[in-house]
Amino acid sequence: MLLTGRVAFLTGAGSGIGRAGALALAREGAHVVVTDLDGHRAQTVAQEITAAGGQAEAMALDAGDDSAVQAAIDGVAARGRLDILHSHAGIQIPGRLTEVSPDGMDTSWRLNVRAHFIAARAAMPHMQQRRQGSIIITASNSGVQYDRGMIAYCTTKHAVIAMTRQIAADYAADNIRCNALCPGFVDTPFNHGFEQQMGGRAALEAYVAQSIPMGRWASVDEIGASIVYLASDQSAFMTGHALVIDGGECL
């Protein structure tokens, strides 16, 4: 297995891509710390992992609570080690410039950029002590293109890719890698903002079929495999990369 003996800390891992990543990392031998704003969902994912013979623990965690994130990461590292951080939690607020309130933009920035900054900042000293680590920050293919009517989402996703690259440049000499995960359309409830913007589920299905060159959604398992790749030594010489998995949508 690719990740035997390693410890992974995940935010937003109670459903969708976060859950898929937790399951995939555990299948490769990692001890996975599953966190989510909804503690019950985190516990359910951890139970899935242990029922399959993997190692996991769960905790309720608000990724936007600086002190709670710091304490949770410090607590895990204090018990032995921290090898992988997948900072995944985020939010999607649809709308054009005049349709998104300043509060909506602030919320987007807090969860899509600042929360990743806090998590990476908390993890970094622990990884530096062992001179190894992989930080994975979920961005989006919206960070490498411009979605119509999604100013808050696109702005923050472009910003978090820039932040990821800056972290990568600053800490490569410490043997700590930092990469951005950039999924396209994956069929999870997170797409509600796009569905609302496009006028309903049927319109979103039509967009996926017509505008994505591969003509389909990604599966959560396909994104989970990409998370394993970024977490493991398979990507040992990759840092500062925005890994786009979108069926060619951004082309």
C-alpha atoms as a PDB file:
ATOM      1  CA  MET A   1       0.000   0.000   0.000  1.00  0.00           C
ATOM      2  CA  LEU A   2       1.178   3.489  -0.827  1.00  0.00           C
ATOM      3  CA  LEU A   3       0.511   5.223   2.502  1.00  0.00           C
ATOM      4  CA  THR A   4       1.154   2.629   5.189  1.00  0.00           C
ATOM      5  CA  GLY A   5       2.066   4.260   8.497  1.00  0.00           C
ATOM      6  CA  ARG A   6       1.190   7.797   7.421  1.00  0.00           C
ATOM      7  CA  VAL A   7      -1.298  10.084   9.130  1.00  0.00           C
ATOM      8  CA  ALA A   8      -3.707  12.235   7.106  1.00  0.00           C
ATOM      9  CA  PHE A   9      -5.824  15.118   8.416  1.00  0.00           C
ATOM     10  CA  LEU A  10      -8.834  16.097   6.297  1.00  0.00           C
ATOM     11  CA  THR A  11     -11.352  18.928   6.504  1.00  0.00           C
ATOM     12  CA  GLY A  12     -14.791  18.782   4.905  1.00  0.00           C
ATOM     13  CA  ALA A  13     -14.533  15.000   4.669  1.00  0.00           C
ATOM     14  CA  GLY A  14     -18.063  14.063   5.674  1.00  0.00           C
ATOM     15  CA  SER A  15     -19.467  13.791   2.147  1.00  0.00           C
ATOM     16  CA  GLY A  16     -18.727  14.066  -1.555  1.00  0.00           C
ATOM     17  CA  ILE A  17     -15.119  14.522  -2.624  1.00  0.00           C
ATOM     18  CA  GLY A  18     -13.892  14.813   0.960  1.00  0.00           C
ATOM     19  CA  ARG A  19     -15.440  11.470   1.871  1.00  0.00           C
ATOM     20  CA  ALA A  20     -14.054   9.834  -1.279  1.00  0.00           C
ATOM     21  CA  GLY A  21     -10.591  11.115  -0.424  1.00  0.00           C
ATOM     22  CA  ALA A  22     -10.812   9.792   3.135  1.00  0.00           C
ATOM     23  CA  LEU A  23     -11.846   6.342   1.927  1.00  0.00           C
ATOM     24  CA  ALA A  24      -9.159   6.269  -0.761  1.00  0.00           C
ATOM     25  CA  LEU A  25      -6.355   7.343   1.590  1.00  0.00           C
ATOM     26  CA  ALA A  26      -7.434   4.734   4.146  1.00  0.00           C
ATOM     27  CA  ARG A  27      -7.468   1.984   1.520  1.00  0.00           C
ATOM     28  CA  GLU A  28      -3.818   2.815   0.856  1.00  0.00           C
ATOM     29  CA  GLY A  29      -2.955   2.336   4.532  1.00  0.00           C
ATOM     30  CA  ALA A  30      -3.140   5.868   5.970  1.00  0.00           C
ATOM     31  CA  HIS A  31      -4.563   6.583   9.394  1.00  0.00           C
ATOM     32  CA  VAL A  32      -7.216   9.138   8.460  1.00  0.00           C
ATOM     33  CA  VAL A  33      -8.518  11.895  10.709  1.00  0.00           C
ATOM     34  CA  VAL A  34     -11.941  12.690   9.260  1.00  0.00           C
ATOM     35  CA  THR A  35     -13.281  16.128  10.189  1.00  0.00           C
ATOM     36  CA  ASP A  36     -16.439  17.886   9.091  1.00  0.00           C
ATOM     37  CA  LEU A  37     -18.690  20.675  10.293  1.00  0.00           C
ATOM     38  CA  ASP A  38     -21.260  17.911  10.836  1.00  0.00           C
ATOM     39  CA  GLY A  39     -19.680  15.574  13.368  1.00  0.00           C
ATOM     40  CA  HIS A  40     -22.209  12.819  12.656  1.00  0.00           C
ATOM     41  CA  ARG A  41     -21.216  12.727   8.994  1.00  0.00           C
ATOM     42  CA  ALA A  42     -17.529  12.602   9.954  1.00  0.00           C
ATOM     43  CA  GLN A  43     -18.251   9.711  12.319  1.00  0.00           C
ATOM     44  CA  THR A  44     -20.150   7.837   9.614  1.00  0.00           C
ATOM     45  CA  VAL A  45     -17.192   8.080   7.227  1.00  0.00           C
ATOM     46  CA  ALA A  46     -14.752   6.968   9.928  1.00  0.00           C
ATOM     47  CA  GLN A  47     -16.984   3.976  10.676  1.00  0.00           C
ATOM     48  CA  GLU A  48     -17.026   3.056   6.986  1.00  0.00           C
ATOM     49  CA  ILE A  49     -13.244   3.052   7.013  1.00  0.00           C
ATOM     50  CA  THR A  50     -12.858   0.954  10.149  1.00  0.00           C
ATOM     51  CA  ALA A  51     -15.567  -1.486   9.001  1.00  0.00           C
ATOM     52  CA  ALA A  52     -13.446  -2.090   5.892  1.00  0.00           C
ATOM     53  CA  GLY A  53     -10.361  -2.765   8.029  1.00  0.00           C
ATOM     54  CA  GLY A  54      -8.811   0.690   7.826  1.00  0.00           C
ATOM     55  CA  GLN A  55      -7.747   3.156  10.488  1.00  0.00           C
ATOM     56  CA  ALA A  56      -9.728   6.312  11.136  1.00  0.00           C
ATOM     57  CA  GLU A  57     -11.021   8.709  13.749  1.00  0.00           C
ATOM     58  CA  ALA A  58     -13.585  11.466  13.489  1.00  0.00           C
ATOM     59  CA  MET A  59     -14.251  14.885  14.932  1.00  0.00           C
ATOM     60  CA  ALA A  60     -16.626  17.760  14.387  1.00  0.00           C
ATOM     61  CA  LEU A  61     -14.669  20.770  13.163  1.00  0.00           C
ATOM     62  CA  ASP A  62     -15.617  24.157  11.765  1.00  0.00           C
ATOM     63  CA  ALA A  63     -12.915  24.811   9.168  1.00  0.00           C
ATOM     64  CA  GLY A  64     -13.566  28.528   9.595  1.00  0.00           C
ATOM     65  CA  ASP A  65     -12.706  28.486  13.307  1.00  0.00           C
ATOM     66  CA  ASP A  66      -8.995  29.379  13.459  1.00  0.00           C
ATOM     67  CA  SER A  67      -8.322  28.255  17.018  1.00  0.00           C
ATOM     68  CA  ALA A  68     -10.259  25.003  16.624  1.00  0.00           C
ATOM     69  CA  VAL A  69      -8.361  24.079  13.454  1.00  0.00           C
ATOM     70  CA  GLN A  70      -5.029  24.901  15.081  1.00  0.00           C
ATOM     71  CA  ALA A  71      -5.866  22.852  18.178  1.00  0.00           C
ATOM     72  CA  ALA A  72      -7.107  19.872  16.168  1.00  0.00           C
ATOM     73  CA  ILE A  73      -4.011  19.710  13.957  1.00  0.00           C
ATOM     74  CA  ASP A  74      -1.662  20.250  16.904  1.00  0.00           C
ATOM     75  CA  GLY A  75      -3.461  17.499  18.816  1.00  0.00           C
ATOM     76  CA  VAL A  76      -3.083  14.961  16.028  1.00  0.00           C
ATOM     77  CA  ALA A  77       0.585  15.792  15.469  1.00  0.00           C
ATOM     78  CA  ALA A  78       1.313  15.611  19.204  1.00  0.00           C
ATOM     79  CA  ARG A  79       0.294  11.952  19.207  1.00  0.00           C
ATOM     80  CA  GLY A  80       3.062  11.054  16.775  1.00  0.00           C
ATOM     81  CA  ARG A  81       3.132  12.504  13.274  1.00  0.00           C
ATOM     82  CA  LEU A  82       1.300  14.387  10.536  1.00  0.00           C
ATOM     83  CA  ASP A  83       2.166  13.454   6.966  1.00  0.00           C
ATOM     84  CA  ILE A  84      -0.764  14.622   4.851  1.00  0.00           C
ATOM     85  CA  LEU A  85      -3.134  17.565   5.053  1.00  0.00           C
ATOM     86  CA  HIS A  86      -6.096  17.663   2.698  1.00  0.00           C
ATOM     87  CA  SER A  87      -7.739  21.035   3.317  1.00  0.00           C
ATOM     88  CA  HIS A  88     -10.975  20.549   1.434  1.00  0.00           C
ATOM     89  CA  ALA A  89     -13.846  22.422   3.093  1.00  0.00           C
ATOM     90  CA  GLY A  90     -15.264  25.275   1.039  1.00  0.00           C
ATOM     91  CA  ILE A  91     -18.373  27.079  -0.128  1.00  0.00           C
ATOM     92  CA  GLN A  92     -19.997  28.041  -3.406  1.00  0.00           C
ATOM     93  CA  ILE A  93     -21.932  31.297  -3.567  1.00  0.00           C
ATOM     94  CA  PRO A  94     -23.304  32.005  -7.068  1.00  0.00           C
ATOM     95  CA  GLY A  95     -23.843  35.392  -8.654  1.00  0.00           C
ATOM     96  CA  ARG A  96     -22.346  38.213 -10.677  1.00  0.00           C
ATOM     97  CA  LEU A  97     -20.722  41.324  -9.217  1.00  0.00           C
ATOM     98  CA  THR A  98     -24.032  43.071  -8.474  1.00  0.00           C
ATOM     99  CA  GLU A  99     -25.697  39.875  -7.223  1.00  0.00           C
ATOM    100  CA  VAL A 100     -23.201  38.845  -4.545  1.00  0.00           C
ATOM    101  CA  SER A 101     -23.309  40.809  -1.316  1.00  0.00           C
ATOM    102  CA  PRO A 102     -20.103  41.951   0.386  1.00  0.00           C
ATOM    103  CA  ASP A 103     -20.944  39.466   3.144  1.00  0.00           C
ATOM    104  CA  GLY A 104     -21.165  36.721   0.513  1.00  0.00           C
ATOM    105  CA  MET A 105     -17.745  37.603  -0.830  1.00  0.00           C
ATOM    106  CA  ASP A 106     -16.328  37.723   2.702  1.00  0.00           C
ATOM    107  CA  THR A 107     -17.773  34.277   3.465  1.00  0.00           C
ATOM    108  CA  SER A 108     -16.323  32.901   0.241  1.00  0.00           C
ATOM    109  CA  TRP A 109     -12.911  34.330   1.074  1.00  0.00           C
ATOM    110  CA  ARG A 110     -13.036  33.045   4.643  1.00  0.00           C
ATOM    111  CA  LEU A 111     -13.788  29.449   3.651  1.00  0.00           C
ATOM    112  CA  ASN A 112     -12.191  29.144   0.211  1.00  0.00           C
ATOM    113  CA  VAL A 113      -8.900  30.897   0.956  1.00  0.00           C
ATOM    114  CA  ARG A 114      -8.365  31.892   4.565  1.00  0.00           C
ATOM    115  CA  ALA A 115      -9.406  28.524   6.035  1.00  0.00           C
ATOM    116  CA  HIS A 116      -6.845  26.772   3.824  1.00  0.00           C
ATOM    117  CA  PHE A 117      -4.208  29.288   4.923  1.00  0.00           C
ATOM    118  CA  ILE A 118      -4.969  28.554   8.587  1.00  0.00           C
ATOM    119  CA  ALA A 119      -4.884  24.774   8.125  1.00  0.00           C
ATOM    120  CA  ALA A 120      -1.647  24.809   6.121  1.00  0.00           C
ATOM    121  CA  ARG A 121      -0.065  27.234   8.576  1.00  0.00           C
ATOM    122  CA  ALA A 122      -0.970  24.927  11.467  1.00  0.00           C
ATOM    123  CA  ALA A 123       0.363  21.808   9.722  1.00  0.00           C
ATOM    124  CA  MET A 124       3.607  23.275   8.400  1.00  0.00           C
ATOM    125  CA  PRO A 125       5.730  23.321  11.598  1.00  0.00           C
ATOM    126  CA  HIS A 126       4.898  19.673  12.291  1.00  0.00           C
ATOM    127  CA  MET A 127       5.892  18.668   8.777  1.00  0.00           C
ATOM    128  CA  GLN A 128       9.057  20.756   8.989  1.00  0.00           C
ATOM    129  CA  GLN A 129      10.142  18.830  12.098  1.00  0.00           C
ATOM    130  CA  ARG A 130      10.167  15.605  10.082  1.00  0.00           C
ATOM    131  CA  ARG A 131      11.235  17.285   6.830  1.00  0.00           C
ATOM    132  CA  GLN A 132       8.453  15.703   4.831  1.00  0.00           C
ATOM    133  CA  GLY A 133       4.802  16.198   4.090  1.00  0.00           C
ATOM    134  CA  SER A 134       2.152  16.677   1.447  1.00  0.00           C
ATOM    135  CA  ILE A 135      -0.378  19.500   1.632  1.00  0.00           C
ATOM    136  CA  ILE A 136      -3.324  19.249  -0.727  1.00  0.00           C
ATOM    137  CA  ILE A 137      -5.657  22.220  -1.030  1.00  0.00           C
ATOM    138  CA  THR A 138      -8.923  21.867  -2.883  1.00  0.00           C
ATOM    139  CA  ALA A 139      -9.376  24.599  -5.458  1.00  0.00           C
ATOM    140  CA  SER A 140     -11.414  23.928  -8.615  1.00  0.00           C
ATOM    141  CA  ASN A 141     -11.086  24.067 -12.359  1.00  0.00           C
ATOM    142  CA  SER A 142     -12.837  27.410 -11.760  1.00  0.00           C
ATOM    143  CA  GLY A 143      -9.402  28.530 -10.597  1.00  0.00           C
ATOM    144  CA  VAL A 144      -7.955  28.109 -14.087  1.00  0.00           C
ATOM    145  CA  GLN A 145     -10.888  29.494 -16.082  1.00  0.00           C
ATOM    146  CA  TYR A 146     -13.747  31.964 -15.634  1.00  0.00           C
ATOM    147  CA  ASP A 147     -17.264  30.713 -14.958  1.00  0.00           C
ATOM    148  CA  ARG A 148     -20.057  33.077 -15.926  1.00  0.00           C
ATOM    149  CA  GLY A 149     -21.960  34.436 -12.949  1.00  0.00           C
ATOM    150  CA  MET A 150     -19.594  33.064 -10.296  1.00  0.00           C
ATOM    151  CA  ILE A 151     -17.476  36.035  -9.206  1.00  0.00           C
ATOM    152  CA  ALA A 152     -16.999  35.011  -5.562  1.00  0.00           C
ATOM    153  CA  TYR A 153     -16.248  31.394  -6.387  1.00  0.00           C
ATOM    154  CA  CYS A 154     -13.867  32.063  -9.285  1.00  0.00           C
ATOM    155  CA  THR A 155     -12.029  34.854  -7.503  1.00  0.00           C
ATOM    156  CA  THR A 156     -11.342  32.751  -4.428  1.00  0.00           C
ATOM    157  CA  LYS A 157     -10.390  29.645  -6.404  1.00  0.00           C
ATOM    158  CA  HIS A 158      -7.861  31.602  -8.469  1.00  0.00           C
ATOM    159  CA  ALA A 159      -6.496  33.065  -5.239  1.00  0.00           C
ATOM    160  CA  VAL A 160      -6.086  29.726  -3.507  1.00  0.00           C
ATOM    161  CA  ILE A 161      -4.106  28.336  -6.441  1.00  0.00           C
ATOM    162  CA  ALA A 162      -1.759  31.322  -6.160  1.00  0.00           C
ATOM    163  CA  MET A 163      -1.424  30.696  -2.429  1.00  0.00           C
ATOM    164  CA  THR A 164      -0.723  27.012  -3.024  1.00  0.00           C
ATOM    165  CA  ARG A 165       2.080  27.853  -5.430  1.00  0.00           C
ATOM    166  CA  GLN A 166       3.572  30.352  -3.018  1.00  0.00           C
ATOM    167  CA  ILE A 167       3.587  27.770  -0.211  1.00  0.00           C
ATOM    168  CA  ALA A 168       5.183  25.267  -2.578  1.00  0.00           C
ATOM    169  CA  ALA A 169       7.949  27.688  -3.550  1.00  0.00           C
ATOM    170  CA  ASP A 170       8.652  28.677   0.042  1.00  0.00           C
ATOM    171  CA  TYR A 171       8.825  25.166   1.524  1.00  0.00           C
ATOM    172  CA  ALA A 172      10.178  22.942  -1.256  1.00  0.00           C
ATOM    173  CA  ALA A 173      13.617  23.056   0.371  1.00  0.00           C
ATOM    174  CA  ASP A 174      12.044  21.497   3.489  1.00  0.00           C
ATOM    175  CA  ASN A 175      10.821  18.566   1.367  1.00  0.00           C
ATOM    176  CA  ILE A 176       7.204  19.622   1.888  1.00  0.00           C
ATOM    177  CA  ARG A 177       5.014  19.594  -1.181  1.00  0.00           C
ATOM    178  CA  CYS A 178       1.895  21.685  -1.696  1.00  0.00           C
ATOM    179  CA  ASN A 179      -0.463  21.113  -4.613  1.00  0.00           C
ATOM    180  CA  ALA A 180      -3.959  22.220  -5.571  1.00  0.00           C
ATOM    181  CA  LEU A 181      -6.708  19.749  -6.422  1.00  0.00           C
ATOM    182  CA  CYS A 182      -8.863  21.239  -9.202  1.00  0.00           C
ATOM    183  CA  PRO A 183     -11.932  19.107  -9.942  1.00  0.00           C
ATOM    184  CA  GLY A 184     -14.477  19.963 -12.565  1.00  0.00           C
ATOM    185  CA  PHE A 185     -18.076  18.788 -12.337  1.00  0.00           C
ATOM    186  CA  VAL A 186     -18.503  15.920  -9.886  1.00  0.00           C
ATOM    187  CA  ASP A 187     -22.069  14.850  -9.124  1.00  0.00           C
ATOM    188  CA  THR A 188     -22.333  15.931  -5.484  1.00  0.00           C
ATOM    189  CA  PRO A 189     -24.634  18.336  -3.601  1.00  0.00           C
ATOM    190  CA  PHE A 190     -21.870  20.958  -3.812  1.00  0.00           C
ATOM    191  CA  ASN A 191     -23.114  21.770  -7.314  1.00  0.00           C
ATOM    192  CA  HIS A 192     -26.283  23.380  -5.964  1.00  0.00           C
ATOM    193  CA  GLY A 193     -24.940  26.864  -6.737  1.00  0.00           C
ATOM    194  CA  PHE A 194     -24.290  26.022 -10.381  1.00  0.00           C
ATOM    195  CA  GLU A 195     -27.634  24.212 -10.634  1.00  0.00           C
ATOM    196  CA  GLN A 196     -29.419  27.254  -9.249  1.00  0.00           C
ATOM    197  CA  GLN A 197     -27.530  29.590 -11.558  1.00  0.00           C
ATOM    198  CA  MET A 198     -28.269  27.497 -14.651  1.00  0.00           C
ATOM    199  CA  GLY A 199     -31.988  27.165 -13.939  1.00  0.00           C
ATOM    200  CA  GLY A 200     -32.357  23.653 -12.566  1.00  0.00           C
ATOM    201  CA  ARG A 201     -31.006  20.131 -12.684  1.00  0.00           C
ATOM    202  CA  ALA A 202     -31.994  19.486 -16.303  1.00  0.00           C
ATOM    203  CA  ALA A 203     -30.071  22.537 -17.491  1.00  0.00           C
ATOM    204  CA  LEU A 204     -27.009  21.482 -15.500  1.00  0.00           C
ATOM    205  CA  GLU A 205     -27.181  17.944 -16.943  1.00  0.00           C
ATOM    206  CA  ALA A 206     -27.378  19.451 -20.434  1.00  0.00           C
ATOM    207  CA  TYR A 207     -24.343  21.649 -19.746  1.00  0.00           C
ATOM    208  CA  VAL A 208     -22.315  18.658 -18.585  1.00  0.00           C
ATOM    209  CA  ALA A 209     -23.275  16.626 -21.649  1.00  0.00           C
ATOM    210  CA  GLN A 210     -22.653  19.408 -24.155  1.00  0.00           C
ATOM    211  CA  SER A 211     -19.816  21.533 -22.724  1.00  0.00           C
ATOM    212  CA  ILE A 212     -17.461  18.955 -21.223  1.00  0.00           C
ATOM    213  CA  PRO A 213     -15.468  17.278 -24.008  1.00  0.00           C
ATOM    214  CA  MET A 214     -15.704  13.878 -22.292  1.00  0.00           C
ATOM    215  CA  GLY A 215     -19.461  14.415 -22.002  1.00  0.00           C
ATOM    216  CA  ARG A 216     -19.955  13.300 -18.413  1.00  0.00           C
ATOM    217  CA  TRP A 217     -19.499  13.998 -14.728  1.00  0.00           C
ATOM    218  CA  ALA A 218     -16.393  12.848 -12.880  1.00  0.00           C
ATOM    219  CA  SER A 219     -16.999  10.204 -10.235  1.00  0.00           C
ATOM    220  CA  VAL A 220     -15.961  10.843  -6.650  1.00  0.00           C
ATOM    221  CA  ASP A 221     -13.730   7.762  -6.901  1.00  0.00           C
ATOM    222  CA  GLU A 222     -11.816   9.342  -9.791  1.00  0.00           C
ATOM    223  CA  ILE A 223     -11.142  12.404  -7.652  1.00  0.00           C
ATOM    224  CA  GLY A 224     -10.263  10.170  -4.689  1.00  0.00           C
ATOM    225  CA  ALA A 225      -7.585   8.466  -6.793  1.00  0.00           C
ATOM    226  CA  SER A 226      -6.127  11.883  -7.599  1.00  0.00           C
ATOM    227  CA  ILE A 227      -5.977  12.714  -3.898  1.00  0.00           C
ATOM    228  CA  VAL A 228      -4.012   9.521  -3.261  1.00  0.00           C
ATOM    229  CA  TYR A 229      -1.644  10.464  -6.073  1.00  0.00           C
ATOM    230  CA  LEU A 230      -0.960  13.897  -4.580  1.00  0.00           C
ATOM    231  CA  ALA A 231      -0.601  12.488  -1.061  1.00  0.00           C
ATOM    232  CA  SER A 232       1.751   9.654  -1.960  1.00  0.00           C
ATOM    233  CA  ASP A 233       5.287   9.275  -3.271  1.00  0.00           C
ATOM    234  CA  GLN A 234       3.818   8.747  -6.729  1.00  0.00           C
ATOM    235  CA  SER A 235       3.939  12.557  -6.973  1.00  0.00           C
ATOM    236  CA  ALA A 236       7.203  12.941  -5.052  1.00  0.00           C
ATOM    237  CA  PHE A 237       8.647  15.461  -7.541  1.00  0.00           C
ATOM    238  CA  MET A 238       5.450  17.469  -7.960  1.00  0.00           C
ATOM    239  CA  THR A 239       4.840  20.682  -6.041  1.00  0.00           C
ATOM    240  CA  GLY A 240       3.072  23.923  -6.839  1.00  0.00           C
ATOM    241  CA  HIS A 241       0.880  22.157  -9.371  1.00  0.00           C
ATOM    242  CA  ALA A 242      -2.814  22.735 -10.058  1.00  0.00           C
ATOM    243  CA  LEU A 243      -4.040  19.234 -10.892  1.00  0.00           C
ATOM    244  CA  VAL A 244      -7.084  19.746 -13.105  1.00  0.00           C
ATOM    245  CA  ILE A 245      -9.488  16.802 -13.377  1.00  0.00           C
ATOM    246  CA  ASP A 246     -12.397  18.082 -15.445  1.00  0.00           C
ATOM    247  CA  GLY A 247     -12.873  15.972 -18.569  1.00  0.00           C
ATOM    248  CA  GLY A 248     -11.403  18.752 -20.688  1.00  0.00           C
ATOM    249  CA  GLU A 249     -13.918  21.447 -19.678  1.00  0.00           C
ATOM    250  CA  CYS A 250     -11.276  24.148 -19.242  1.00  0.00           C
ATOM    251  CA  LEU A 251      -9.727  23.554 -22.662  1.00  0.00           C
END
